Amino acid sequence: MERQNFSAVPIASEKDVDKVVQIVTVRDVSALFYMDREALAENDTINQPVRRYVDFLAANHFRPRQPFSILASSASLHDMVEAICSPRKERIFVTSAAGKIEGMLTLSDMVWFFAEELGFSHKT
């Protein structure tokens, strides 16, 4: 994730790789460093599928159960703002009419979009 500068990676359904069923974030990976090492070893957490780890984090209130929304690429800007403003939704997966993932928008993307619309420049 770090090498590619990704803050999150989608987890696809085993039956349909175009269907996002969950995401793993940098924050989720960082949580490993704060967990009880004995509990991690006892549950063999490191060798489990990532989906099981993410579900464990959600079940133990370390993260929201589904911190993302899914919208069609034909959705309006209003729909996108409404989705990103939902409680604890920081990412939107954008899908084609056929349901294939076309991209991901983050809360940061939306902030920069509106900042530029208001005349602020994006300086890196």
Foldseek 3Di string as FASTA:
>chain_A
DVVVPDQKDFDADPVDRQHGPAIAGPLLVVVVVVDDPVVCVVVVVVPDPVVVSLCVCCVVVVAPNHQAEEEEPPDDPVVVVVRCPPPNRFKYFYAYPVSGTDDMDGVVNVVQVVCVVVPHDDDD
